[in-house]
């Protein structure tokens, strides 16, 4: 009887010892928040330059294939083709000038997502040739890919109240 129990217990003891000797998984490399923030700010500067020059190729490279933009007072655009259609329409606004940039970057613990919080100022020609301007803020969510950081979600809205809703 004792031999029979020994035959059953010995393999269990061996498995328990082997499991105890296994190495823990390697630790994830530390996230370099300073480098990520600098990279996101550089991408943001390039984005503003692309808008200023109406460079749709550069804008296209800014976004991931599955990107979404959520513009104010317009339907959400899902996927790169819809995103670019929205940008082509936006860039056609007469007299468009846009400046602004990143004010803060929030980085995920794993370092694979970054949230760009920024502001913008915009001037354009409205109906009847009326000069108009807008100021607002934006949030862009970036995902780290093999091709670098790509925008996956982009939304913005005005700080200026709609006509008739002034403060």
Foldseek 3Di string as FASTA:
>chain_A
DVVVVCVVVVVVVVVVVVVVPDDDPDDQDAAPVVVVVVVQQVLFVQCLVCLQVVPLVSVLVQADQQAWEDEPPDDIAGGSVSVSVVSVVVSPFAPKHKDKGFDDWDADRNRFKIKTKMKMKIWGQDPPRRIDIFIWIKIWMWGQDPSGTHTRYIYIDTPQDDPPPHD
